[in-house]
C-alpha atoms as a PDB file:
ATOM      1  CA  UNK A   1      31.373 -43.230 -25.305  1.00  0.00           C
ATOM      2  CA  UNK A   2      32.419 -40.315 -27.566  1.00  0.00           C
ATOM      3  CA  UNK A   3      36.054 -40.764 -26.338  1.00  0.00           C
ATOM      4  CA  UNK A   4      35.927 -44.220 -27.174  1.00  0.00           C
ATOM      5  CA  UNK A   5      34.505 -43.769 -30.468  1.00  0.00           C
ATOM      6  CA  UNK A   6      36.994 -41.104 -31.072  1.00  0.00           C
ATOM      7  CA  UNK A   7      39.825 -43.247 -30.342  1.00  0.00           C
ATOM      8  CA  UNK A   8      38.607 -46.104 -32.407  1.00  0.00           C
ATOM      9  CA  UNK A   9      38.551 -43.263 -35.298  1.00  0.00           C
ATOM     10  CA  UNK A  10      42.149 -42.449 -34.370  1.00  0.00           C
ATOM     11  CA  UNK A  11      43.512 -45.953 -34.254  1.00  0.00           C
ATOM     12  CA  UNK A  12      41.792 -46.644 -37.813  1.00  0.00           C
ATOM     13  CA  UNK A  13      43.181 -43.610 -39.287  1.00  0.00           C
ATOM     14  CA  UNK A  14      46.780 -44.283 -37.844  1.00  0.00           C
ATOM     15  CA  UNK A  15      46.466 -47.953 -39.476  1.00  0.00           C
ATOM     16  CA  UNK A  16      45.584 -46.414 -43.051  1.00  0.00           C
ATOM     17  CA  UNK A  17      48.258 -44.131 -42.651  1.00  0.00           C
ATOM     18  CA  UNK A  18      51.216 -46.094 -41.257  1.00  0.00           C
ATOM     19  CA  UNK A  19      52.962 -48.709 -43.491  1.00  0.00           C
ATOM     20  CA  UNK A  20      51.960 -52.520 -43.125  1.00  0.00           C
ATOM     21  CA  UNK A  21      54.595 -54.444 -41.493  1.00  0.00           C
ATOM     22  CA  UNK A  22      52.679 -57.987 -41.095  1.00  0.00           C
ATOM     23  CA  UNK A  23      51.474 -59.789 -44.036  1.00  0.00           C
ATOM     24  CA  UNK A  24      48.551 -62.408 -43.838  1.00  0.00           C
ATOM     25  CA  UNK A  25      47.663 -65.184 -46.239  1.00  0.00           C
ATOM     26  CA  UNK A  26      44.736 -67.584 -45.244  1.00  0.00           C
ATOM     27  CA  UNK A  27      42.209 -70.025 -46.155  1.00  0.00           C
ATOM     28  CA  UNK A  28      39.094 -71.174 -44.689  1.00  0.00           C
ATOM     29  CA  UNK A  29      37.630 -74.377 -45.899  1.00  0.00           C
ATOM     30  CA  UNK A  30      34.109 -74.483 -46.315  1.00  0.00           C
ATOM     31  CA  UNK A  31      33.785 -70.269 -46.591  1.00  0.00           C
ATOM     32  CA  UNK A  32      33.845 -69.229 -50.234  1.00  0.00           C
ATOM     33  CA  UNK A  33      33.167 -65.261 -50.601  1.00  0.00           C
ATOM     34  CA  UNK A  34      32.736 -64.862 -46.830  1.00  0.00           C
ATOM     35  CA  UNK A  35      33.417 -61.898 -44.865  1.00  0.00           C
ATOM     36  CA  UNK A  36      36.413 -62.013 -42.671  1.00  0.00           C
ATOM     37  CA  UNK A  37      37.510 -59.504 -39.892  1.00  0.00           C
ATOM     38  CA  UNK A  38      41.011 -59.293 -38.284  1.00  0.00           C
ATOM     39  CA  UNK A  39      41.139 -57.290 -34.748  1.00  0.00           C
ATOM     40  CA  UNK A  40      43.257 -56.647 -32.283  1.00  0.00           C
ATOM     41  CA  UNK A  41      42.961 -55.504 -28.831  1.00  0.00           C
ATOM     42  CA  UNK A  42      43.322 -52.117 -27.783  1.00  0.00           C
ATOM     43  CA  UNK A  43      45.829 -51.338 -24.816  1.00  0.00           C
ATOM     44  CA  UNK A  44      43.115 -49.330 -23.014  1.00  0.00           C
ATOM     45  CA  UNK A  45      40.643 -52.377 -23.544  1.00  0.00           C
ATOM     46  CA  UNK A  46      40.061 -55.734 -21.746  1.00  0.00           C
ATOM     47  CA  UNK A  47      37.421 -57.680 -23.364  1.00  0.00           C
ATOM     48  CA  UNK A  48      36.597 -56.082 -26.671  1.00  0.00           C
ATOM     49  CA  UNK A  49      38.804 -55.733 -29.574  1.00  0.00           C
ATOM     50  CA  UNK A  50      39.260 -53.426 -32.452  1.00  0.00           C
ATOM     51  CA  UNK A  51      38.671 -54.400 -36.112  1.00  0.00           C
ATOM     52  CA  UNK A  52      42.053 -53.171 -38.235  1.00  0.00           C
ATOM     53  CA  UNK A  53      41.196 -55.021 -41.406  1.00  0.00           C
ATOM     54  CA  UNK A  54      37.964 -56.416 -43.129  1.00  0.00           C
ATOM     55  CA  UNK A  55      37.539 -58.149 -46.347  1.00  0.00           C
ATOM     56  CA  UNK A  56      36.096 -61.029 -48.452  1.00  0.00           C
ATOM     57  CA  UNK A  57      37.685 -64.495 -49.065  1.00  0.00           C
ATOM     58  CA  UNK A  58      37.648 -65.803 -52.585  1.00  0.00           C
ATOM     59  CA  UNK A  59      35.406 -68.233 -54.210  1.00  0.00           C
ATOM     60  CA  UNK A  60      37.442 -71.227 -52.429  1.00  0.00           C
ATOM     61  CA  UNK A  61      38.030 -69.740 -49.146  1.00  0.00           C
ATOM     62  CA  UNK A  62      40.957 -67.749 -49.769  1.00  0.00           C
ATOM     63  CA  UNK A  63      42.008 -64.281 -48.568  1.00  0.00           C
ATOM     64  CA  UNK A  64      45.647 -61.906 -48.522  1.00  0.00           C
ATOM     65  CA  UNK A  65      46.323 -58.878 -46.849  1.00  0.00           C
ATOM     66  CA  UNK A  66      48.553 -56.653 -44.927  1.00  0.00           C
ATOM     67  CA  UNK A  67      47.927 -54.992 -41.335  1.00  0.00           C
ATOM     68  CA  UNK A  68      50.148 -53.338 -39.246  1.00  0.00           C
ATOM     69  CA  UNK A  69      51.191 -53.801 -35.377  1.00  0.00           C
ATOM     70  CA  UNK A  70      53.466 -51.956 -33.400  1.00  0.00           C
ATOM     71  CA  UNK A  71      54.241 -54.727 -30.496  1.00  0.00           C
ATOM     72  CA  UNK A  72      53.921 -58.119 -30.449  1.00  0.00           C
ATOM     73  CA  UNK A  73      50.095 -59.103 -29.331  1.00  0.00           C
ATOM     74  CA  UNK A  74      47.157 -61.553 -29.952  1.00  0.00           C
ATOM     75  CA  UNK A  75      45.456 -61.101 -33.461  1.00  0.00           C
ATOM     76  CA  UNK A  76      42.283 -62.507 -34.121  1.00  0.00           C
ATOM     77  CA  UNK A  77      40.763 -63.439 -37.499  1.00  0.00           C
ATOM     78  CA  UNK A  78      36.784 -64.117 -37.594  1.00  0.00           C
ATOM     79  CA  UNK A  79      34.827 -65.464 -40.809  1.00  0.00           C
ATOM     80  CA  UNK A  80      31.530 -65.379 -40.118  1.00  0.00           C
ATOM     81  CA  UNK A  81      31.548 -66.043 -36.497  1.00  0.00           C
ATOM     82  CA  UNK A  82      34.232 -68.482 -36.460  1.00  0.00           C
ATOM     83  CA  UNK A  83      37.318 -66.968 -34.734  1.00  0.00           C
ATOM     84  CA  UNK A  84      41.122 -68.166 -34.617  1.00  0.00           C
ATOM     85  CA  UNK A  85      43.762 -66.532 -32.984  1.00  0.00           C
ATOM     86  CA  UNK A  86      47.275 -66.140 -33.655  1.00  0.00           C
ATOM     87  CA  UNK A  87      50.296 -64.479 -31.823  1.00  0.00           C
ATOM     88  CA  UNK A  88      51.661 -62.321 -34.040  1.00  0.00           C
ATOM     89  CA  UNK A  89      54.737 -59.694 -33.828  1.00  0.00           C
ATOM     90  CA  UNK A  90      55.931 -56.620 -36.403  1.00  0.00           C
ATOM     91  CA  UNK A  91      57.592 -58.135 -39.523  1.00  0.00           C
ATOM     92  CA  UNK A  92      56.033 -61.414 -39.102  1.00  0.00           C
ATOM     93  CA  UNK A  93      54.372 -63.210 -42.177  1.00  0.00           C
ATOM     94  CA  UNK A  94      51.444 -65.383 -41.268  1.00  0.00           C
ATOM     95  CA  UNK A  95      50.036 -68.490 -43.569  1.00  0.00           C
ATOM     96  CA  UNK A  96      47.370 -70.692 -42.380  1.00  0.00           C
ATOM     97  CA  UNK A  97      44.380 -72.913 -43.330  1.00  0.00           C
ATOM     98  CA  UNK A  98      41.807 -73.678 -41.558  1.00  0.00           C
ATOM     99  CA  UNK A  99      40.326 -76.958 -42.258  1.00  0.00           C
ATOM    100  CA  UNK A 100      37.346 -77.029 -40.221  1.00  0.00           C
ATOM    101  CA  UNK A 101      35.421 -75.340 -37.163  1.00  0.00           C
ATOM    102  CA  UNK A 102      36.691 -78.518 -35.330  1.00  0.00           C
ATOM    103  CA  UNK A 103      40.008 -78.529 -36.486  1.00  0.00           C
ATOM    104  CA  UNK A 104      42.785 -76.115 -34.903  1.00  0.00           C
ATOM    105  CA  UNK A 105      44.576 -74.008 -37.863  1.00  0.00           C
ATOM    106  CA  UNK A 106      47.402 -74.973 -39.819  1.00  0.00           C
ATOM    107  CA  UNK A 107      50.217 -72.452 -39.887  1.00  0.00           C
ATOM    108  CA  UNK A 108      53.168 -72.503 -42.135  1.00  0.00           C
ATOM    109  CA  UNK A 109      56.679 -70.376 -42.150  1.00  0.00           C
ATOM    110  CA  UNK A 110      58.341 -68.783 -39.436  1.00  0.00           C
ATOM    111  CA  UNK A 111      55.140 -68.538 -36.755  1.00  0.00           C
ATOM    112  CA  UNK A 112      54.204 -71.976 -37.714  1.00  0.00           C
ATOM    113  CA  UNK A 113      56.255 -73.775 -35.112  1.00  0.00           C
ATOM    114  CA  UNK A 114      55.071 -71.543 -32.464  1.00  0.00           C
ATOM    115  CA  UNK A 115      51.313 -71.735 -33.296  1.00  0.00           C
ATOM    116  CA  UNK A 116      51.739 -75.512 -33.518  1.00  0.00           C
ATOM    117  CA  UNK A 117      52.912 -75.604 -30.240  1.00  0.00           C
ATOM    118  CA  UNK A 118      49.879 -73.078 -28.882  1.00  0.00           C
ATOM    119  CA  UNK A 119      46.983 -75.141 -30.222  1.00  0.00           C
ATOM    120  CA  UNK A 120      48.585 -78.361 -29.604  1.00  0.00           C
ATOM    121  CA  UNK A 121      49.003 -77.349 -25.971  1.00  0.00           C
ATOM    122  CA  UNK A 122      45.853 -75.982 -25.493  1.00  0.00           C
ATOM    123  CA  UNK A 123      47.041 -72.592 -24.729  1.00  0.00           C
ATOM    124  CA  UNK A 124      45.158 -71.354 -27.520  1.00  0.00           C
ATOM    125  CA  UNK A 125      41.552 -72.498 -28.639  1.00  0.00           C
ATOM    126  CA  UNK A 126      39.744 -74.578 -26.240  1.00  0.00           C
ATOM    127  CA  UNK A 127      41.160 -76.453 -23.715  1.00  0.00           C
ATOM    128  CA  UNK A 128      39.238 -79.947 -23.377  1.00  0.00           C
ATOM    129  CA  UNK A 129      40.946 -80.499 -20.145  1.00  0.00           C
ATOM    130  CA  UNK A 130      39.369 -77.262 -18.650  1.00  0.00           C
ATOM    131  CA  UNK A 131      36.215 -78.573 -19.732  1.00  0.00           C
ATOM    132  CA  UNK A 132      36.558 -82.350 -18.588  1.00  0.00           C
ATOM    133  CA  UNK A 133      39.254 -83.603 -16.501  1.00  0.00           C
ATOM    134  CA  UNK A 134      41.394 -86.597 -17.650  1.00  0.00           C
ATOM    135  CA  UNK A 135      40.303 -88.720 -14.463  1.00  0.00           C
ATOM    136  CA  UNK A 136      37.324 -88.005 -12.247  1.00  0.00           C
ATOM    137  CA  UNK A 137      38.130 -90.135  -9.130  1.00  0.00           C
ATOM    138  CA  UNK A 138      41.405 -88.938  -8.061  1.00  0.00           C
ATOM    139  CA  UNK A 139      42.706 -86.989  -5.159  1.00  0.00           C
ATOM    140  CA  UNK A 140      43.919 -83.462  -5.890  1.00  0.00           C
ATOM    141  CA  UNK A 141      47.487 -84.036  -5.072  1.00  0.00           C
ATOM    142  CA  UNK A 142      47.663 -87.082  -7.589  1.00  0.00           C
ATOM    143  CA  UNK A 143      45.924 -85.070 -10.664  1.00  0.00           C
ATOM    144  CA  UNK A 144      47.921 -82.100  -9.627  1.00  0.00           C
ATOM    145  CA  UNK A 145      50.928 -84.101 -10.195  1.00  0.00           C
ATOM    146  CA  UNK A 146      49.678 -85.204 -13.683  1.00  0.00           C
ATOM    147  CA  UNK A 147      49.027 -81.735 -14.687  1.00  0.00           C
ATOM    148  CA  UNK A 148      51.943 -79.816 -13.280  1.00  0.00           C
ATOM    149  CA  UNK A 149      54.061 -82.787 -15.689  1.00  0.00           C
ATOM    150  CA  UNK A 150      52.269 -81.943 -18.340  1.00  0.00           C
ATOM    151  CA  UNK A 151      52.724 -77.955 -17.807  1.00  0.00           C
ATOM    152  CA  UNK A 152      56.518 -78.950 -17.585  1.00  0.00           C
ATOM    153  CA  UNK A 153      56.190 -80.976 -20.899  1.00  0.00           C
ATOM    154  CA  UNK A 154      54.853 -77.723 -22.284  1.00  0.00           C
ATOM    155  CA  UNK A 155      57.471 -75.216 -21.272  1.00  0.00           C
ATOM    156  CA  UNK A 156      60.131 -77.656 -22.317  1.00  0.00           C
ATOM    157  CA  UNK A 157      58.707 -78.431 -25.486  1.00  0.00           C
ATOM    158  CA  UNK A 158      58.346 -74.719 -26.314  1.00  0.00           C
ATOM    159  CA  UNK A 159      61.855 -74.107 -25.464  1.00  0.00           C
ATOM    160  CA  UNK A 160      63.225 -77.164 -27.991  1.00  0.00           C
ATOM    161  CA  UNK A 161      60.942 -76.095 -30.842  1.00  0.00           C
ATOM    162  CA  UNK A 162      60.132 -72.490 -30.721  1.00  0.00           C
ATOM    163  CA  UNK A 163      62.062 -69.097 -31.551  1.00  0.00           C
ATOM    164  CA  UNK A 164      62.339 -68.169 -27.393  1.00  0.00           C
ATOM    165  CA  UNK A 165      64.256 -64.478 -28.576  1.00  0.00           C
ATOM    166  CA  UNK A 166      61.191 -62.626 -27.907  1.00  0.00           C
ATOM    167  CA  UNK A 167      60.370 -61.597 -24.602  1.00  0.00           C
ATOM    168  CA  UNK A 168      56.710 -61.075 -25.072  1.00  0.00           C
ATOM    169  CA  UNK A 169      56.222 -64.519 -26.534  1.00  0.00           C
ATOM    170  CA  UNK A 170      58.133 -65.755 -23.876  1.00  0.00           C
ATOM    171  CA  UNK A 171      56.063 -64.080 -20.884  1.00  0.00           C
ATOM    172  CA  UNK A 172      52.882 -64.946 -23.116  1.00  0.00           C
ATOM    173  CA  UNK A 173      53.676 -68.573 -22.876  1.00  0.00           C
ATOM    174  CA  UNK A 174      54.810 -69.011 -19.519  1.00  0.00           C
ATOM    175  CA  UNK A 175      51.864 -67.208 -17.979  1.00  0.00           C
ATOM    176  CA  UNK A 176      49.400 -69.184 -20.210  1.00  0.00           C
ATOM    177  CA  UNK A 177      50.844 -72.292 -19.057  1.00  0.00           C
ATOM    178  CA  UNK A 178      50.614 -71.177 -15.209  1.00  0.00           C
ATOM    179  CA  UNK A 179      47.377 -70.123 -15.342  1.00  0.00           C
ATOM    180  CA  UNK A 180      46.320 -73.116 -17.650  1.00  0.00           C
ATOM    181  CA  UNK A 181      47.446 -75.340 -14.451  1.00  0.00           C
ATOM    182  CA  UNK A 182      45.363 -73.660 -11.947  1.00  0.00           C
ATOM    183  CA  UNK A 183      42.088 -73.574 -14.229  1.00  0.00           C
ATOM    184  CA  UNK A 184      42.728 -77.665 -14.940  1.00  0.00           C
ATOM    185  CA  UNK A 185      43.110 -78.141 -11.284  1.00  0.00           C
ATOM    186  CA  UNK A 186      39.751 -76.068 -10.808  1.00  0.00           C
ATOM    187  CA  UNK A 187      37.754 -78.137 -13.287  1.00  0.00           C
ATOM    188  CA  UNK A 188      38.740 -81.715 -11.530  1.00  0.00           C
ATOM    189  CA  UNK A 189      37.827 -80.077  -7.966  1.00  0.00           C
ATOM    190  CA  UNK A 190      34.216 -79.069  -9.707  1.00  0.00           C
ATOM    191  CA  UNK A 191      33.590 -82.489 -11.311  1.00  0.00           C
ATOM    192  CA  UNK A 192      34.189 -84.288  -7.542  1.00  0.00           C
ATOM    193  CA  UNK A 193      30.759 -82.594  -6.639  1.00  0.00           C
ATOM    194  CA  UNK A 194      30.534 -81.224  -3.134  1.00  0.00           C
ATOM    195  CA  UNK A 195      33.825 -82.371  -2.091  1.00  0.00           C
ATOM    196  CA  UNK A 196      35.305 -79.752  -3.915  1.00  0.00           C
ATOM    197  CA  UNK A 197      34.485 -77.038  -1.190  1.00  0.00           C
ATOM    198  CA  UNK A 198      37.003 -78.118   1.262  1.00  0.00           C
ATOM    199  CA  UNK A 199      40.023 -78.477  -1.404  1.00  0.00           C
ATOM    200  CA  UNK A 200      42.063 -75.777  -3.296  1.00  0.00           C
ATOM    201  CA  UNK A 201      44.996 -75.865  -5.274  1.00  0.00           C
ATOM    202  CA  UNK A 202      48.284 -73.724  -4.602  1.00  0.00           C
ATOM    203  CA  UNK A 203      48.237 -70.916  -6.749  1.00  0.00           C
ATOM    204  CA  UNK A 204      51.625 -68.881  -7.973  1.00  0.00           C
ATOM    205  CA  UNK A 205      51.157 -64.972  -8.430  1.00  0.00           C
ATOM    206  CA  UNK A 206      53.572 -63.920 -11.184  1.00  0.00           C
ATOM    207  CA  UNK A 207      55.060 -60.369 -12.044  1.00  0.00           C
ATOM    208  CA  UNK A 208      52.766 -57.683 -13.839  1.00  0.00           C
ATOM    209  CA  UNK A 209      54.066 -58.732 -16.927  1.00  0.00           C
ATOM    210  CA  UNK A 210      51.946 -61.583 -16.945  1.00  0.00           C
ATOM    211  CA  UNK A 211      48.573 -59.849 -17.283  1.00  0.00           C
ATOM    212  CA  UNK A 212      48.826 -60.213 -21.207  1.00  0.00           C
ATOM    213  CA  UNK A 213      47.813 -63.736 -20.870  1.00  0.00           C
ATOM    214  CA  UNK A 214      43.872 -64.164 -20.806  1.00  0.00           C
ATOM    215  CA  UNK A 215      44.757 -67.769 -18.895  1.00  0.00           C
ATOM    216  CA  UNK A 216      46.598 -66.212 -16.574  1.00  0.00           C
ATOM    217  CA  UNK A 217      44.298 -63.381 -15.796  1.00  0.00           C
ATOM    218  CA  UNK A 218      41.225 -65.957 -15.490  1.00  0.00           C
ATOM    219  CA  UNK A 219      42.887 -68.095 -12.991  1.00  0.00           C
ATOM    220  CA  UNK A 220      43.770 -64.996 -11.252  1.00  0.00           C
ATOM    221  CA  UNK A 221      39.964 -64.331 -10.620  1.00  0.00           C
ATOM    222  CA  UNK A 222      39.346 -67.888 -10.260  1.00  0.00           C
ATOM    223  CA  UNK A 223      41.534 -67.915  -7.271  1.00  0.00           C
ATOM    224  CA  UNK A 224      40.691 -64.811  -5.126  1.00  0.00           C
ATOM    225  CA  UNK A 225      37.032 -65.301  -6.517  1.00  0.00           C
ATOM    226  CA  UNK A 226      36.402 -68.852  -6.547  1.00  0.00           C
ATOM    227  CA  UNK A 227      35.156 -68.281 -10.065  1.00  0.00           C
ATOM    228  CA  UNK A 228      35.467 -67.178 -13.454  1.00  0.00           C
ATOM    229  CA  UNK A 229      34.157 -63.865 -14.164  1.00  0.00           C
ATOM    230  CA  UNK A 230      31.919 -65.344 -16.925  1.00  0.00           C
ATOM    231  CA  UNK A 231      29.809 -67.771 -14.516  1.00  0.00           C
ATOM    232  CA  UNK A 232      26.638 -66.538 -13.033  1.00  0.00           C
ATOM    233  CA  UNK A 233      25.884 -65.021 -16.365  1.00  0.00           C
ATOM    234  CA  UNK A 234      22.208 -65.909 -18.216  1.00  0.00           C
ATOM    235  CA  UNK A 235      21.455 -64.368 -21.472  1.00  0.00           C
ATOM    236  CA  UNK A 236      24.276 -61.702 -21.139  1.00  0.00           C
ATOM    237  CA  UNK A 237      23.012 -60.477 -17.795  1.00  0.00           C
ATOM    238  CA  UNK A 238      24.395 -61.616 -14.120  1.00  0.00           C
ATOM    239  CA  UNK A 239      21.977 -63.194 -11.967  1.00  0.00           C
ATOM    240  CA  UNK A 240      24.056 -62.599  -9.036  1.00  0.00           C
ATOM    241  CA  UNK A 241      21.296 -60.269  -6.935  1.00  0.00           C
ATOM    242  CA  UNK A 242      23.358 -59.583  -3.983  1.00  0.00           C
ATOM    243  CA  UNK A 243      25.378 -56.385  -4.048  1.00  0.00           C
ATOM    244  CA  UNK A 244      27.508 -57.126  -1.565  1.00  0.00           C
ATOM    245  CA  UNK A 245      29.001 -60.377  -3.074  1.00  0.00           C
ATOM    246  CA  UNK A 246      30.166 -57.878  -5.563  1.00  0.00           C
ATOM    247  CA  UNK A 247      31.388 -55.305  -3.370  1.00  0.00           C
ATOM    248  CA  UNK A 248      33.412 -58.320  -1.394  1.00  0.00           C
ATOM    249  CA  UNK A 249      34.950 -59.273  -4.532  1.00  0.00           C
ATOM    250  CA  UNK A 250      36.274 -55.920  -5.266  1.00  0.00           C
ATOM    251  CA  UNK A 251      37.677 -56.207  -1.533  1.00  0.00           C
ATOM    252  CA  UNK A 252      39.093 -59.324  -2.262  1.00  0.00           C
ATOM    253  CA  UNK A 253      40.864 -58.436  -5.560  1.00  0.00           C
ATOM    254  CA  UNK A 254      42.003 -54.883  -4.172  1.00  0.00           C
ATOM    255  CA  UNK A 255      43.718 -56.722  -1.073  1.00  0.00           C
ATOM    256  CA  UNK A 256      45.058 -59.646  -2.481  1.00  0.00           C
ATOM    257  CA  UNK A 257      47.157 -57.927  -5.366  1.00  0.00           C
ATOM    258  CA  UNK A 258      48.414 -54.746  -3.360  1.00  0.00           C
ATOM    259  CA  UNK A 259      52.063 -55.913  -4.607  1.00  0.00           C
ATOM    260  CA  UNK A 260      50.891 -55.977  -8.340  1.00  0.00           C
ATOM    261  CA  UNK A 261      49.312 -52.309  -9.024  1.00  0.00           C
ATOM    262  CA  UNK A 262      49.118 -53.344 -13.044  1.00  0.00           C
ATOM    263  CA  UNK A 263      47.290 -56.371 -12.559  1.00  0.00           C
ATOM    264  CA  UNK A 264      45.039 -55.224  -9.585  1.00  0.00           C
ATOM    265  CA  UNK A 265      44.030 -52.242 -11.741  1.00  0.00           C
ATOM    266  CA  UNK A 266      42.999 -54.757 -14.715  1.00  0.00           C
ATOM    267  CA  UNK A 267      41.213 -57.247 -12.724  1.00  0.00           C
ATOM    268  CA  UNK A 268      39.171 -54.717 -10.830  1.00  0.00           C
ATOM    269  CA  UNK A 269      38.485 -52.858 -14.129  1.00  0.00           C
ATOM    270  CA  UNK A 270      37.234 -56.371 -15.557  1.00  0.00           C
ATOM    271  CA  UNK A 271      35.009 -56.693 -12.237  1.00  0.00           C
ATOM    272  CA  UNK A 272      33.945 -53.438 -12.673  1.00  0.00           C
ATOM    273  CA  UNK A 273      32.766 -53.953 -16.058  1.00  0.00           C
ATOM    274  CA  UNK A 274      30.968 -57.055 -15.236  1.00  0.00           C
ATOM    275  CA  UNK A 275      29.171 -55.970 -12.501  1.00  0.00           C
ATOM    276  CA  UNK A 276      27.413 -53.051 -14.914  1.00  0.00           C
ATOM    277  CA  UNK A 277      25.748 -56.227 -16.270  1.00  0.00           C
ATOM    278  CA  UNK A 278      24.239 -57.102 -12.796  1.00  0.00           C
ATOM    279  CA  UNK A 279      20.518 -56.559 -12.485  1.00  0.00           C
ATOM    280  CA  UNK A 280      19.736 -55.377  -9.068  1.00  0.00           C
ATOM    281  CA  UNK A 281      15.725 -54.792  -7.747  1.00  0.00           C
ATOM    282  CA  UNK A 282      15.493 -51.906  -5.725  1.00  0.00           C
ATOM    283  CA  UNK A 283      12.795 -49.734  -4.291  1.00  0.00           C
ATOM    284  CA  UNK A 284       9.024 -50.359  -4.057  1.00  0.00           C
ATOM    285  CA  UNK A 285       8.241 -51.082  -7.542  1.00  0.00           C
ATOM    286  CA  UNK A 286      10.976 -53.877  -7.704  1.00  0.00           C
ATOM    287  CA  UNK A 287      12.062 -52.258 -11.197  1.00  0.00           C
ATOM    288  CA  UNK A 288      15.481 -54.070 -12.087  1.00  0.00           C
ATOM    289  CA  UNK A 289      18.411 -51.415 -12.529  1.00  0.00           C
ATOM    290  CA  UNK A 290      22.179 -51.268 -12.916  1.00  0.00           C
ATOM    291  CA  UNK A 291      24.617 -51.757 -10.240  1.00  0.00           C
ATOM    292  CA  UNK A 292      27.181 -48.957 -10.119  1.00  0.00           C
ATOM    293  CA  UNK A 293      28.812 -48.862  -6.740  1.00  0.00           C
ATOM    294  CA  UNK A 294      31.777 -50.667  -8.156  1.00  0.00           C
ATOM    295  CA  UNK A 295      31.996 -48.118 -10.755  1.00  0.00           C
ATOM    296  CA  UNK A 296      31.995 -45.276  -8.078  1.00  0.00           C
ATOM    297  CA  UNK A 297      35.116 -46.886  -6.329  1.00  0.00           C
ATOM    298  CA  UNK A 298      36.995 -47.355  -9.345  1.00  0.00           C
ATOM    299  CA  UNK A 299      36.748 -44.016 -10.554  1.00  0.00           C
ATOM    300  CA  UNK A 300      37.724 -42.625  -7.389  1.00  0.00           C
ATOM    301  CA  UNK A 301      40.640 -44.903  -6.789  1.00  0.00           C
ATOM    302  CA  UNK A 302      42.007 -44.899 -10.716  1.00  0.00           C
ATOM    303  CA  UNK A 303      40.710 -41.176 -12.027  1.00  0.00           C
ATOM    304  CA  UNK A 304      42.994 -41.926 -14.995  1.00  0.00           C
ATOM    305  CA  UNK A 305      43.072 -45.408 -15.772  1.00  0.00           C
ATOM    306  CA  UNK A 306      43.070 -46.439 -19.526  1.00  0.00           C
ATOM    307  CA  UNK A 307      40.253 -48.708 -18.966  1.00  0.00           C
ATOM    308  CA  UNK A 308      37.350 -46.299 -17.847  1.00  0.00           C
ATOM    309  CA  UNK A 309      36.775 -45.727 -21.399  1.00  0.00           C
ATOM    310  CA  UNK A 310      35.442 -49.476 -22.019  1.00  0.00           C
ATOM    311  CA  UNK A 311      33.740 -49.261 -18.707  1.00  0.00           C
ATOM    312  CA  UNK A 312      31.955 -45.924 -19.281  1.00  0.00           C
ATOM    313  CA  UNK A 313      31.002 -47.672 -22.758  1.00  0.00           C
ATOM    314  CA  UNK A 314      29.210 -50.348 -20.906  1.00  0.00           C
ATOM    315  CA  UNK A 315      27.223 -48.126 -18.623  1.00  0.00           C
ATOM    316  CA  UNK A 316      25.986 -46.636 -21.651  1.00  0.00           C
ATOM    317  CA  UNK A 317      24.840 -49.799 -23.080  1.00  0.00           C
ATOM    318  CA  UNK A 318      23.657 -51.343 -19.982  1.00  0.00           C
ATOM    319  CA  UNK A 319      21.393 -48.361 -19.442  1.00  0.00           C
ATOM    320  CA  UNK A 320      20.064 -48.386 -22.813  1.00  0.00           C
ATOM    321  CA  UNK A 321      19.465 -52.101 -22.668  1.00  0.00           C
ATOM    322  CA  UNK A 322      17.723 -52.206 -19.036  1.00  0.00           C
ATOM    323  CA  UNK A 323      15.836 -49.114 -19.280  1.00  0.00           C
ATOM    324  CA  UNK A 324      12.631 -48.660 -21.317  1.00  0.00           C
ATOM    325  CA  UNK A 325      13.021 -46.298 -24.349  1.00  0.00           C
ATOM    326  CA  UNK A 326      11.108 -43.126 -23.760  1.00  0.00           C
ATOM    327  CA  UNK A 327       8.395 -42.252 -25.960  1.00  0.00           C
ATOM    328  CA  UNK A 328       8.643 -39.283 -27.728  1.00  0.00           C
ATOM    329  CA  UNK A 329       6.625 -36.414 -27.341  1.00  0.00           C
ATOM    330  CA  UNK A 330       4.052 -35.473 -29.680  1.00  0.00           C
END
């Protein structure tokens, strides 16, 4: 916890001292004089983001600021709980208008074509086809043909309308499309009810570089574990009480990703992190306690992992949350 706090402070100090290289001018319709926050994901984290800029919109919902990025990455801008995401590179200028909570941001300038594509293809924002399939009563093979055709159209459109000179953006888009394909097919299978148990769409594992795309990593988890890591969580706590399920999931990911060491480490770190939010009942008093076997395995296998700070932060959070606060002694 202390190390993570120091790293965050160090990052903030470096951001203050370094010269900004990305200019952002934005507008949130209906959010006058509202606080906004700009965040990036730390290289040693997998869920949480670090705030690199804060401020307030003016009376019309406008704001303007500069930040510094060392590498191309996803940048999130939050205004009173409403978040929009962008893929930005050093020396970019982002000009956007967000008409409403139900509409995608309208981006102008050099990054406009990329973000129009990303939001129109639902690689950023909410993917309605992952929530509700296009057609319900259709075989997996026929539905897969539709999804694959859409994916091919997305990739062709990206190459035709966007700047493809950035390797990060190319990899991000390719991996996101691949992950989106699988997630959409899984959504179709689940919509079939009990029949889905006997069907499973083919899955394509990509290189370790593809781990930069959240959609791809989500599809990896769904392929190996049969579910997203967010499923099974109620009010911030997992209801999976069988510890063997967590350990079996760890074994499955560990074995299936042996030839992809970076993807393997990331997905095992995510699973370990999630397992800390599972409440187990042990002992005669049946009191809830943390589930830590995966933490012990991960620490032993990856003693120098950059993700350990984030995991240890979760250990502290869950212990404070699940254990009653001791009354001070008089």
